[in-house]
Amino acid sequence: MSDTDGPGAEPDVEIAVLTACFDARPGTEGALLAALSRYVVMTRHEPACRNVDLVASVTRTGRFLVIEKWESAAAVREHLAPKLMADMPQAAIASIASKPAIDLYDTISAHDLA
C-alpha cells in the first residue's frame, strides 16, 4: 500500500473500528440507552477517537450498536483500560439481556481493492 496516490494527494489513513452490539432486557431499553449515551459522549472527548456513533436497530427492539473509529488499534486498547470502561458496564449490566458482541476491525482502503 502506498502513502499517496499521486502528487498532492492525501496519505492513506488507517483507522481501527470497534463495534459493540447490545441487546436490552425487555423494559430496560431506556436505561441501557442512557448508559450507552453517556459512554458515547465521554468517548468522543478522547484524543485518539476519530468518531463514535450510537445507533438503534429498526428491526430488533432494544438492540443498540456502538461504532467507534480510532487512530489505531493501540488507541483502542488504551481506551478499553481506564475508568470509563469500568463505569459503563456497571451502569449497563442490569439492562443487558446477553453478553455484548464486541469486535475490532481494520479498514480496507479503496486502494487495497484496486
C-alpha atoms as a PDB file:
ATOM      1  CA  MET A   1       0.000   0.000   0.000  1.00  0.00           C
ATOM      2  CA  SER A   2       1.423   3.393  -0.904  1.00  0.00           C
ATOM      3  CA  ASP A   3       1.306   6.504   1.248  1.00  0.00           C
ATOM      4  CA  THR A   4      -0.070   8.658  -1.542  1.00  0.00           C
ATOM      5  CA  ASP A   5      -1.981   8.336  -4.771  1.00  0.00           C
ATOM      6  CA  GLY A   6      -0.087  10.974  -6.715  1.00  0.00           C
ATOM      7  CA  PRO A   7       1.211  14.500  -6.341  1.00  0.00           C
ATOM      8  CA  GLY A   8      -0.639  16.486  -3.720  1.00  0.00           C
ATOM      9  CA  ALA A   9      -2.807  13.533  -2.672  1.00  0.00           C
ATOM     10  CA  GLU A  10      -3.591  12.898   0.959  1.00  0.00           C
ATOM     11  CA  PRO A  11      -1.839   9.887   2.535  1.00  0.00           C
ATOM     12  CA  ASP A  12      -3.939   6.805   3.237  1.00  0.00           C
ATOM     13  CA  VAL A  13      -5.374   6.987   6.725  1.00  0.00           C
ATOM     14  CA  GLU A  14      -5.525   3.709   8.610  1.00  0.00           C
ATOM     15  CA  ILE A  15      -8.087   3.557  11.372  1.00  0.00           C
ATOM     16  CA  ALA A  16      -9.307   0.882  13.728  1.00  0.00           C
ATOM     17  CA  VAL A  17     -13.052   0.354  14.041  1.00  0.00           C
ATOM     18  CA  LEU A  18     -14.544  -1.048  17.235  1.00  0.00           C
ATOM     19  CA  THR A  19     -18.161  -2.234  17.272  1.00  0.00           C
ATOM     20  CA  ALA A  20     -20.256  -3.309  20.221  1.00  0.00           C
ATOM     21  CA  CYS A  21     -23.798  -4.658  19.869  1.00  0.00           C
ATOM     22  CA  PHE A  22     -26.042  -4.612  22.943  1.00  0.00           C
ATOM     23  CA  ASP A  23     -29.458  -6.218  23.413  1.00  0.00           C
ATOM     24  CA  ALA A  24     -31.579  -4.757  26.212  1.00  0.00           C
ATOM     25  CA  ARG A  25     -33.691  -6.826  28.554  1.00  0.00           C
ATOM     26  CA  PRO A  26     -37.384  -6.108  27.846  1.00  0.00           C
ATOM     27  CA  GLY A  27     -38.469  -2.996  29.703  1.00  0.00           C
ATOM     28  CA  THR A  28     -34.917  -1.698  30.274  1.00  0.00           C
ATOM     29  CA  GLU A  29     -34.292  -0.164  26.864  1.00  0.00           C
ATOM     30  CA  GLY A  30     -34.326   3.395  28.248  1.00  0.00           C
ATOM     31  CA  ALA A  31     -31.811   2.612  30.977  1.00  0.00           C
ATOM     32  CA  LEU A  32     -29.440   0.915  28.524  1.00  0.00           C
ATOM     33  CA  LEU A  33     -29.802   3.774  26.062  1.00  0.00           C
ATOM     34  CA  ALA A  34     -28.955   6.269  28.822  1.00  0.00           C
ATOM     35  CA  ALA A  35     -25.830   4.317  29.861  1.00  0.00           C
ATOM     36  CA  LEU A  36     -24.626   3.958  26.264  1.00  0.00           C
ATOM     37  CA  SER A  37     -25.353   7.623  25.513  1.00  0.00           C
ATOM     38  CA  ARG A  38     -23.184   8.742  28.452  1.00  0.00           C
ATOM     39  CA  TYR A  39     -20.410   6.428  27.255  1.00  0.00           C
ATOM     40  CA  VAL A  40     -20.577   7.829  23.703  1.00  0.00           C
ATOM     41  CA  VAL A  41     -20.434  11.452  24.890  1.00  0.00           C
ATOM     42  CA  MET A  42     -17.411  10.727  27.094  1.00  0.00           C
ATOM     43  CA  THR A  43     -15.654   8.689  24.397  1.00  0.00           C
ATOM     44  CA  ARG A  44     -15.965  11.498  21.850  1.00  0.00           C
ATOM     45  CA  HIS A  45     -13.655  13.603  24.038  1.00  0.00           C
ATOM     46  CA  GLU A  46     -10.774  11.126  23.922  1.00  0.00           C
ATOM     47  CA  PRO A  47      -7.892  12.467  21.800  1.00  0.00           C
ATOM     48  CA  ALA A  48      -7.409   9.364  19.621  1.00  0.00           C
ATOM     49  CA  CYS A  49     -11.134   8.950  18.928  1.00  0.00           C
ATOM     50  CA  ARG A  50     -11.963   9.999  15.377  1.00  0.00           C
ATOM     51  CA  ASN A  51     -15.700   9.301  15.645  1.00  0.00           C
ATOM     52  CA  VAL A  52     -18.235   7.357  17.691  1.00  0.00           C
ATOM     53  CA  ASP A  53     -21.892   6.735  16.906  1.00  0.00           C
ATOM     54  CA  LEU A  54     -24.747   5.084  18.753  1.00  0.00           C
ATOM     55  CA  VAL A  55     -27.495   3.618  16.574  1.00  0.00           C
ATOM     56  CA  ALA A  56     -30.684   1.713  17.355  1.00  0.00           C
ATOM     57  CA  SER A  57     -31.944  -1.207  15.311  1.00  0.00           C
ATOM     58  CA  VAL A  58     -35.173  -0.668  13.408  1.00  0.00           C
ATOM     59  CA  THR A  59     -35.693  -4.437  13.096  1.00  0.00           C
ATOM     60  CA  ARG A  60     -34.926  -5.573  16.671  1.00  0.00           C
ATOM     61  CA  THR A  61     -36.419  -3.602  19.526  1.00  0.00           C
ATOM     62  CA  GLY A  62     -33.869  -2.888  22.231  1.00  0.00           C
ATOM     63  CA  ARG A  63     -30.774  -3.559  20.105  1.00  0.00           C
ATOM     64  CA  PHE A  64     -28.124  -0.828  20.112  1.00  0.00           C
ATOM     65  CA  LEU A  65     -24.860  -0.676  18.204  1.00  0.00           C
ATOM     66  CA  VAL A  66     -21.886   1.493  19.136  1.00  0.00           C
ATOM     67  CA  ILE A  67     -19.478   2.150  16.247  1.00  0.00           C
ATOM     68  CA  GLU A  68     -16.142   3.729  17.153  1.00  0.00           C
ATOM     69  CA  LYS A  69     -13.333   4.849  14.857  1.00  0.00           C
ATOM     70  CA  TRP A  70      -9.862   5.204  16.357  1.00  0.00           C
ATOM     71  CA  GLU A  71      -6.472   6.328  15.100  1.00  0.00           C
ATOM     72  CA  SER A  72      -5.031   2.865  15.775  1.00  0.00           C
ATOM     73  CA  ALA A  73      -5.628  -0.482  17.450  1.00  0.00           C
ATOM     74  CA  ALA A  74      -3.243   0.698  20.176  1.00  0.00           C
ATOM     75  CA  ALA A  75      -5.571   3.642  20.825  1.00  0.00           C
ATOM     76  CA  VAL A  76      -8.481   1.204  21.211  1.00  0.00           C
ATOM     77  CA  ARG A  77      -6.520  -0.813  23.777  1.00  0.00           C
ATOM     78  CA  GLU A  78      -5.744   2.367  25.714  1.00  0.00           C
ATOM     79  CA  HIS A  79      -9.422   3.323  25.583  1.00  0.00           C
ATOM     80  CA  LEU A  80     -10.583  -0.033  26.933  1.00  0.00           C
ATOM     81  CA  ALA A  81      -8.359   0.132  30.016  1.00  0.00           C
ATOM     82  CA  PRO A  82      -9.365   3.214  32.060  1.00  0.00           C
ATOM     83  CA  LYS A  83     -12.166   4.014  34.468  1.00  0.00           C
ATOM     84  CA  LEU A  84     -14.593   4.957  31.660  1.00  0.00           C
ATOM     85  CA  MET A  85     -14.675   1.347  30.552  1.00  0.00           C
ATOM     86  CA  ALA A  86     -15.171   0.151  34.124  1.00  0.00           C
ATOM     87  CA  ASP A  87     -18.039   2.563  34.822  1.00  0.00           C
ATOM     88  CA  MET A  88     -20.066   1.918  31.661  1.00  0.00           C
ATOM     89  CA  PRO A  89     -20.564  -1.833  32.238  1.00  0.00           C
ATOM     90  CA  GLN A  90     -21.589  -1.166  35.837  1.00  0.00           C
ATOM     91  CA  ALA A  91     -24.270   1.263  34.617  1.00  0.00           C
ATOM     92  CA  ALA A  92     -25.496  -1.061  31.861  1.00  0.00           C
ATOM     93  CA  ILE A  93     -25.222  -4.569  33.349  1.00  0.00           C
ATOM     94  CA  ALA A  94     -28.768  -4.749  34.728  1.00  0.00           C
ATOM     95  CA  SER A  95     -30.180  -3.731  31.344  1.00  0.00           C
ATOM     96  CA  ILE A  96     -28.263  -6.147  29.112  1.00  0.00           C
ATOM     97  CA  ALA A  97     -30.008  -9.354  28.019  1.00  0.00           C
ATOM     98  CA  SER A  98     -26.804 -11.143  26.981  1.00  0.00           C
ATOM     99  CA  LYS A  99     -23.075 -10.650  26.578  1.00  0.00           C
ATOM    100  CA  PRO A 100     -22.436  -7.825  24.069  1.00  0.00           C
ATOM    101  CA  ALA A 101     -20.904  -8.767  20.731  1.00  0.00           C
ATOM    102  CA  ILE A 102     -17.676  -6.744  20.509  1.00  0.00           C
ATOM    103  CA  ASP A 103     -15.325  -6.783  17.547  1.00  0.00           C
ATOM    104  CA  LEU A 104     -12.314  -4.844  16.253  1.00  0.00           C
ATOM    105  CA  TYR A 105     -11.859  -4.204  12.530  1.00  0.00           C
ATOM    106  CA  ASP A 106      -9.158  -2.850  10.241  1.00  0.00           C
ATOM    107  CA  THR A 107     -10.315  -0.544   7.490  1.00  0.00           C
ATOM    108  CA  ILE A 108      -9.956  -1.559   3.877  1.00  0.00           C
ATOM    109  CA  SER A 109      -8.805   1.245   1.649  1.00  0.00           C
ATOM    110  CA  ALA A 110     -10.182   1.613  -1.870  1.00  0.00           C
ATOM    111  CA  HIS A 111      -6.525   1.486  -2.914  1.00  0.00           C
ATOM    112  CA  ASP A 112      -6.302  -2.023  -1.464  1.00  0.00           C
ATOM    113  CA  LEU A 113      -9.176  -3.172  -3.661  1.00  0.00           C
ATOM    114  CA  ALA A 114      -7.772  -1.878  -6.947  1.00  0.00           C
END
